[in-house]
């Protein structure tokens, strides 16, 4: 199987991000804290409910610059994969906060 594309919305530190893989070999480069590990965590959360460290308990909600969680948003991760027969499959997972005001 090959990953063809990945889309993140409101996932961890990412407001919205998408990319299409055009090659079999992809390198993800960037400075520290630029979101490289977030891509792995998003794919792992989509498939196995785990982050890049393989932990099941982690915060998937996007944070404000001051570190407080962004409330009342929908977290979405979507991936398109191509199986060994060349068929495309779309996987999508969304989480909506049960937001109640007092």
Protein backbone atom coordinates (compact mmCIF):
# COMPACT_ATOMS: atom_id res chain seq x y z
CA UNK A 1 0.00 0.00 0.00
CA UNK A 2 1.07 3.56 -0.68
CA UNK A 3 -0.03 6.82 0.84
CA UNK A 4 -1.26 9.15 -1.90
CA UNK A 5 -2.46 12.17 0.07
CA UNK A 6 -3.00 13.37 3.61
CA UNK A 7 -5.27 16.16 4.90
CA UNK A 8 -5.36 17.57 8.45
CA UNK A 9 -7.79 20.07 9.92
CA UNK A 10 -7.59 21.33 13.51
CA UNK A 11 -5.29 18.46 14.43
CA UNK A 12 -2.81 19.21 17.23
CA UNK A 13 -0.87 22.32 16.13
CA UNK A 14 -2.29 22.40 12.59
CA UNK A 15 -5.20 24.59 11.50
CA UNK A 16 -5.35 23.13 7.98
CA UNK A 17 -2.76 21.28 5.92
CA UNK A 18 -2.79 18.94 2.93
CA UNK A 19 -0.27 17.38 0.62
CA UNK A 20 -0.22 14.98 -2.29
CA UNK A 21 2.62 12.52 -2.63
CA UNK A 22 3.91 12.43 -6.20
CA UNK A 23 6.67 9.88 -5.64
CA UNK A 24 7.37 6.60 -3.89
CA UNK A 25 10.08 8.29 -1.84
CA UNK A 26 9.16 11.34 0.20
CA UNK A 27 11.30 13.27 2.66
CA UNK A 28 9.73 15.54 5.22
CA UNK A 29 12.19 18.20 6.29
CA UNK A 30 11.78 21.15 8.62
CA UNK A 31 12.97 22.94 11.71
CA UNK A 32 12.20 21.73 15.21
CA UNK A 33 8.53 22.12 16.17
CA UNK A 34 7.48 22.72 12.55
CA UNK A 35 4.97 19.83 12.40
CA UNK A 36 6.92 16.84 11.04
CA UNK A 37 5.93 14.56 13.92
CA UNK A 38 2.35 15.85 13.74
CA UNK A 39 2.02 14.30 10.27
CA UNK A 40 3.01 10.89 11.65
CA UNK A 41 0.70 11.33 14.65
CA UNK A 42 -2.20 12.23 12.35
CA UNK A 43 -1.72 9.13 10.20
CA UNK A 44 -1.35 6.92 13.29
CA UNK A 45 -4.46 8.46 14.91
CA UNK A 46 -6.44 7.86 11.74
CA UNK A 47 -5.48 4.20 11.62
CA UNK A 48 -4.77 3.08 15.18
CA UNK A 49 -5.87 5.83 17.64
CA UNK A 50 -2.24 6.41 18.62
CA UNK A 51 0.30 9.18 18.20
CA UNK A 52 3.84 9.04 16.85
CA UNK A 53 5.11 7.65 20.18
CA UNK A 54 2.41 4.95 19.96
CA UNK A 55 0.62 6.41 22.99
CA UNK A 56 -3.18 6.20 23.15
CA UNK A 57 -3.62 9.16 25.50
CA UNK A 58 -2.64 12.41 23.81
CA UNK A 59 -4.30 15.70 22.96
CA UNK A 60 -5.49 15.91 19.35
CA UNK A 61 -7.11 19.33 19.80
CA UNK A 62 -5.44 22.36 18.24
CA UNK A 63 -4.05 24.90 20.68
CA UNK A 64 -4.14 28.69 20.70
CA UNK A 65 -0.78 30.52 20.72
CA UNK A 66 -1.11 30.87 24.51
CA UNK A 67 -1.42 27.07 24.88
CA UNK A 68 -5.14 26.92 25.64
CA UNK A 69 -7.25 24.45 23.61
CA UNK A 70 -9.35 25.76 20.73
CA UNK A 71 -12.93 24.86 21.57
CA UNK A 72 -15.95 24.01 19.45
CA UNK A 73 -14.04 22.71 16.41
CA UNK A 74 -14.12 19.52 14.37
CA UNK A 75 -10.83 17.64 14.13
CA UNK A 76 -10.41 15.82 10.82
CA UNK A 77 -7.71 13.63 9.30
CA UNK A 78 -8.20 12.19 5.82
CA UNK A 79 -5.89 9.98 3.80
CA UNK A 80 -6.05 8.43 0.36
CA UNK A 81 -4.14 5.18 0.01
CA UNK A 82 -3.51 3.01 -3.01
CA UNK A 83 -3.58 -0.74 -2.46
CA UNK A 84 -1.40 -3.31 -4.21
CA UNK A 85 -4.02 -3.68 -6.98
CA UNK A 86 -3.87 0.05 -7.75
CA UNK A 87 -7.27 0.80 -6.21
CA UNK A 88 -7.67 4.00 -4.19
CA UNK A 89 -9.27 3.99 -0.76
CA UNK A 90 -10.18 7.03 1.32
CA UNK A 91 -9.91 6.87 5.10
CA UNK A 92 -11.35 9.69 7.18
CA UNK A 93 -11.73 10.24 10.89
CA UNK A 94 -13.37 13.22 12.57
CA UNK A 95 -13.85 14.14 16.18
CA UNK A 96 -16.24 16.81 17.37
CA UNK A 97 -16.04 18.16 20.87
CA UNK A 98 -19.23 17.93 22.91
CA UNK A 99 -19.20 21.64 23.67
CA UNK A 100 -21.59 22.83 26.38
CA UNK A 101 -21.60 26.30 27.90
CA UNK A 102 -22.70 26.86 31.48
